[in-house]
Amino acid sequence: MGVVVLNKSNYINICLKHLNNERVYLKFNSSIDCELFLNFSIFCFIQLLYFPPITLKKDWELNNFIKWIFADISNFTIPPFHCLIKIHKMERLDIKLATGRPIVGNYNAPFGNASKFIAFTLQPILERSRTFLKNSFSLIEILSNLKYNGNYPIYMLAGDVIDMYPSVPLNDVRFLIMDLFDEINNNDFLSKEQYLGILEFVLFNVFL
């Protein structure tokens, strides 16, 4: 941890560089436009869940599910935006070359519970992966239990992927998850089409 002293105008320019990227951010001219877009998105979300034929039991389950998805909708607030300056990537400490990691505090997003649902249903599949690590402490535990007889050298390698999350091919992710649909624990009240609809909302509408 450390303190970064940065000229205010330079910091604003770094933030605007991100916000002006129309491939990532959607600009609204007024709060009314934002509200209309949100209401339309909620309508589309509900429509995709009720489009397939459903039984009365599933209708009851879906009603409860939708209530949970939008349980905090009345508390929705516009999330704050800020940047974490990547001082380790500044060449010769030239402030003009400074970059920032965009952070959007979207903890109170309208579709936040939809994201939580997808994460919950995928967690068991993730944990079965041979390369799964829950956190840094898991790695420490694994390494502490390794037995080494000293007959051969050990090398520890670390890598860094440039712009990893923005570079994830979302369409490939969608196809991969749907191939694993039969292994997903979603309480069997959502069809494959309904689950795909929620998944696409989470993957392609991250601003919600």
Protein backbone atom coordinates (compact mmCIF):
# COMPACT_ATOMS: atom_id res chain seq x y z
CA MET A 1 0.00 0.00 0.00
CA GLY A 2 1.12 3.53 -0.69
CA VAL A 3 -0.02 7.07 -1.32
CA VAL A 4 -0.27 8.28 -4.91
CA VAL A 5 -0.13 12.04 -5.45
CA LEU A 6 -1.70 12.95 -8.77
CA ASN A 7 -2.69 16.19 -10.43
CA LYS A 8 -6.49 16.45 -10.38
CA SER A 9 -6.82 17.29 -14.09
CA ASN A 10 -4.63 14.31 -15.04
CA TYR A 11 -6.77 12.01 -12.91
CA ILE A 12 -9.96 13.32 -14.53
CA ASN A 13 -8.48 12.74 -17.99
CA ILE A 14 -7.62 9.16 -17.06
CA CYS A 15 -11.21 8.57 -15.92
CA LEU A 16 -12.71 10.21 -19.02
CA LYS A 17 -10.52 8.05 -21.23
CA HIS A 18 -12.38 5.05 -19.84
CA LEU A 19 -15.85 6.59 -19.73
CA ASN A 20 -15.64 7.80 -23.35
CA ASN A 21 -15.14 4.22 -24.54
CA GLU A 22 -18.56 3.54 -26.10
CA ARG A 23 -17.80 -0.16 -26.43
CA VAL A 24 -17.88 -0.44 -22.64
CA TYR A 25 -19.95 2.43 -21.26
CA LEU A 26 -23.42 3.63 -22.24
CA LYS A 27 -24.02 7.36 -21.86
CA PHE A 28 -27.39 8.76 -20.78
CA ASN A 29 -28.28 12.38 -21.31
CA SER A 30 -30.63 12.51 -18.34
CA SER A 31 -31.82 10.53 -15.34
CA ILE A 32 -35.16 10.05 -17.14
CA ASP A 33 -33.42 8.27 -20.02
CA CYS A 34 -31.61 6.10 -17.50
CA GLU A 35 -34.87 5.20 -15.74
CA LEU A 36 -36.63 4.39 -19.01
CA PHE A 37 -33.78 2.14 -20.08
CA LEU A 38 -33.80 0.39 -16.71
CA ASN A 39 -37.56 -0.22 -16.82
CA PHE A 40 -37.29 -1.57 -20.36
CA SER A 41 -34.47 -3.90 -19.30
CA ILE A 42 -36.52 -5.20 -16.36
CA PHE A 43 -39.47 -5.80 -18.69
CA CYS A 44 -37.26 -7.76 -21.13
CA PHE A 45 -35.77 -9.79 -18.29
CA ILE A 46 -39.19 -10.83 -16.99
CA GLN A 47 -40.44 -11.58 -20.50
CA LEU A 48 -37.58 -13.97 -21.22
CA LEU A 49 -38.41 -15.93 -18.05
CA TYR A 50 -42.11 -16.27 -18.84
CA PHE A 51 -41.81 -16.85 -22.58
CA PRO A 52 -41.50 -20.68 -22.45
CA PRO A 53 -44.66 -22.62 -21.42
CA ILE A 54 -44.59 -23.19 -17.65
CA THR A 55 -46.62 -25.14 -15.10
CA LEU A 56 -48.43 -23.59 -12.13
CA LYS A 57 -45.69 -24.90 -9.82
CA LYS A 58 -43.01 -23.31 -11.93
CA ASP A 59 -45.07 -20.14 -12.19
CA TRP A 60 -45.03 -19.89 -8.38
CA GLU A 61 -41.30 -20.58 -8.28
CA LEU A 62 -40.61 -17.99 -10.97
CA ASN A 63 -42.65 -15.36 -9.14
CA ASN A 64 -40.58 -15.88 -6.01
CA PHE A 65 -37.38 -15.93 -8.05
CA ILE A 66 -38.22 -12.61 -9.74
CA LYS A 67 -39.14 -11.04 -6.40
CA TRP A 68 -35.72 -12.05 -5.09
CA ILE A 69 -33.92 -10.77 -8.21
CA PHE A 70 -35.45 -7.32 -7.78
CA ALA A 71 -35.72 -7.31 -3.99
CA ASP A 72 -33.44 -4.28 -3.67
CA ILE A 73 -34.62 -2.41 -6.77
CA SER A 74 -36.12 0.40 -4.69
CA ASN A 75 -32.69 1.01 -3.13
CA PHE A 76 -30.95 1.27 -6.48
CA THR A 77 -28.42 4.07 -6.67
CA ILE A 78 -26.12 5.20 -9.46
CA PRO A 79 -22.77 3.54 -8.67
CA PRO A 80 -19.69 5.72 -8.12
CA PHE A 81 -16.85 5.50 -10.64
CA HIS A 82 -13.17 5.91 -9.89
CA CYS A 83 -9.78 4.69 -11.07
CA LEU A 84 -6.91 3.00 -9.29
CA ILE A 85 -3.71 4.38 -10.76
CA LYS A 86 -1.27 1.72 -11.99
CA ILE A 87 1.94 3.39 -10.91
CA HIS A 88 3.94 0.24 -11.71
CA LYS A 89 3.11 0.75 -15.39
CA MET A 90 4.27 4.35 -15.62
CA GLU A 91 7.33 4.59 -17.84
CA ARG A 92 10.00 6.77 -16.23
CA LEU A 93 7.29 8.15 -13.93
CA ASP A 94 5.87 10.12 -16.86
CA ILE A 95 2.42 11.12 -15.63
CA LYS A 96 1.14 11.46 -19.20
CA LEU A 97 1.60 7.71 -19.61
CA ALA A 98 -0.25 6.84 -16.39
CA THR A 99 -3.12 4.38 -16.68
CA GLY A 100 -5.86 3.49 -14.28
CA ARG A 101 -7.95 0.43 -13.49
CA PRO A 102 -11.63 1.47 -13.70
CA ILE A 103 -13.67 0.63 -10.63
CA VAL A 104 -17.46 0.84 -10.64
CA GLY A 105 -19.03 0.27 -7.22
CA ASN A 106 -21.91 -1.70 -8.67
CA TYR A 107 -22.76 -3.48 -5.42
CA ASN A 108 -26.33 -2.14 -5.54
CA ALA A 109 -27.04 -2.77 -9.22
CA PRO A 110 -30.60 -3.68 -10.30
CA PHE A 111 -29.42 -7.02 -11.70
CA GLY A 112 -26.89 -7.71 -8.96
CA ASN A 113 -28.90 -10.66 -7.64
CA ALA A 114 -29.01 -12.15 -11.13
CA SER A 115 -25.21 -12.12 -11.15
CA LYS A 116 -25.16 -13.72 -7.71
CA PHE A 117 -27.48 -16.46 -8.95
CA ILE A 118 -25.27 -17.30 -11.92
CA ALA A 119 -22.17 -17.28 -9.71
CA PHE A 120 -23.87 -19.57 -7.17
CA THR A 121 -24.93 -22.12 -9.77
CA LEU A 122 -21.48 -22.20 -11.41
CA GLN A 123 -19.47 -22.43 -8.18
CA PRO A 124 -19.68 -26.25 -7.81
CA ILE A 125 -18.39 -26.72 -11.37
CA LEU A 126 -15.58 -24.27 -10.76
CA GLU A 127 -14.50 -26.02 -7.57
CA ARG A 128 -14.22 -29.35 -9.38
CA SER A 129 -11.58 -27.94 -11.71
CA ARG A 130 -8.04 -29.24 -11.16
CA THR A 131 -6.71 -25.68 -11.36
CA PHE A 132 -9.18 -24.18 -8.89
CA LEU A 133 -7.75 -22.03 -6.10
CA LYS A 134 -10.14 -20.41 -3.66
CA ASN A 135 -7.66 -17.75 -2.63
CA SER A 136 -3.99 -17.09 -1.89
CA PHE A 137 -4.21 -19.02 1.37
CA SER A 138 -5.22 -22.13 -0.59
CA LEU A 139 -1.98 -21.88 -2.59
CA ILE A 140 0.04 -21.48 0.62
CA GLU A 141 -1.60 -24.57 2.07
CA ILE A 142 -0.84 -26.64 -1.04
CA LEU A 143 2.78 -25.53 -1.14
CA SER A 144 3.28 -26.15 2.58
CA ASN A 145 2.17 -29.77 2.15
CA LEU A 146 4.53 -30.51 -0.74
CA LYS A 147 7.36 -32.89 0.03
CA TYR A 148 10.69 -32.09 -1.63
CA ASN A 149 13.70 -34.39 -1.50
CA GLY A 150 16.15 -31.93 -3.04
CA ASN A 151 17.05 -34.11 -6.03
CA TYR A 152 15.83 -31.64 -8.61
CA PRO A 153 15.38 -27.88 -8.84
CA ILE A 154 12.00 -26.24 -8.34
CA TYR A 155 10.97 -23.18 -10.30
CA MET A 156 8.01 -20.97 -9.47
CA LEU A 157 6.62 -19.10 -12.43
CA ALA A 158 4.03 -16.33 -12.42
CA GLY A 159 2.31 -14.72 -15.36
CA ASP A 160 0.16 -11.70 -16.02
CA VAL A 161 -2.50 -11.41 -18.71
CA ILE A 162 -2.87 -7.96 -20.23
CA ASP A 163 -6.46 -6.71 -19.87
CA MET A 164 -7.57 -10.18 -18.83
CA TYR A 165 -11.22 -9.56 -17.99
CA PRO A 166 -12.00 -7.27 -20.94
CA SER A 167 -10.32 -9.85 -23.21
CA VAL A 168 -12.50 -12.80 -22.16
CA PRO A 169 -14.44 -14.00 -25.26
CA LEU A 170 -17.99 -13.74 -23.92
CA ASN A 171 -19.60 -15.76 -26.71
CA ASP A 172 -17.23 -18.64 -26.02
CA VAL A 173 -18.06 -18.39 -22.32
CA ARG A 174 -21.76 -18.60 -23.12
CA PHE A 175 -21.34 -21.74 -25.25
CA LEU A 176 -19.09 -23.38 -22.67
CA ILE A 177 -21.52 -22.79 -19.81
CA MET A 178 -24.49 -24.04 -21.81
CA ASP A 179 -22.57 -27.23 -22.65
CA LEU A 180 -22.35 -27.76 -18.88
CA PHE A 181 -26.00 -26.92 -18.25
CA ASP A 182 -26.94 -30.45 -17.11
CA GLU A 183 -24.33 -30.18 -14.33
CA ILE A 184 -25.55 -26.81 -13.11
CA ASN A 185 -27.53 -26.77 -9.89
CA ASN A 186 -30.40 -24.34 -10.49
CA ASN A 187 -33.10 -26.27 -8.60
CA ASP A 188 -34.57 -27.49 -11.90
CA PHE A 189 -37.17 -24.71 -12.15
CA LEU A 190 -35.45 -22.90 -15.02
CA SER A 191 -35.30 -24.28 -18.53
CA LYS A 192 -32.11 -24.13 -20.54
CA GLU A 193 -33.52 -21.19 -22.51
CA GLN A 194 -34.41 -19.28 -19.35
CA TYR A 195 -31.01 -19.88 -17.79
CA LEU A 196 -29.34 -18.77 -21.02
CA GLY A 197 -31.38 -15.57 -20.96
CA ILE A 198 -30.23 -14.75 -17.42
CA LEU A 199 -26.65 -15.65 -18.33
CA GLU A 200 -26.69 -13.30 -21.33
CA PHE A 201 -28.03 -10.48 -19.16
CA VAL A 202 -25.15 -10.99 -16.76
CA LEU A 203 -22.48 -11.33 -19.46
CA PHE A 204 -23.55 -8.62 -21.91
CA ASN A 205 -25.26 -6.06 -19.67
CA VAL A 206 -22.68 -5.53 -16.96
CA PHE A 207 -23.75 -1.88 -16.66
CA LEU A 208 -26.99 -3.14 -15.08
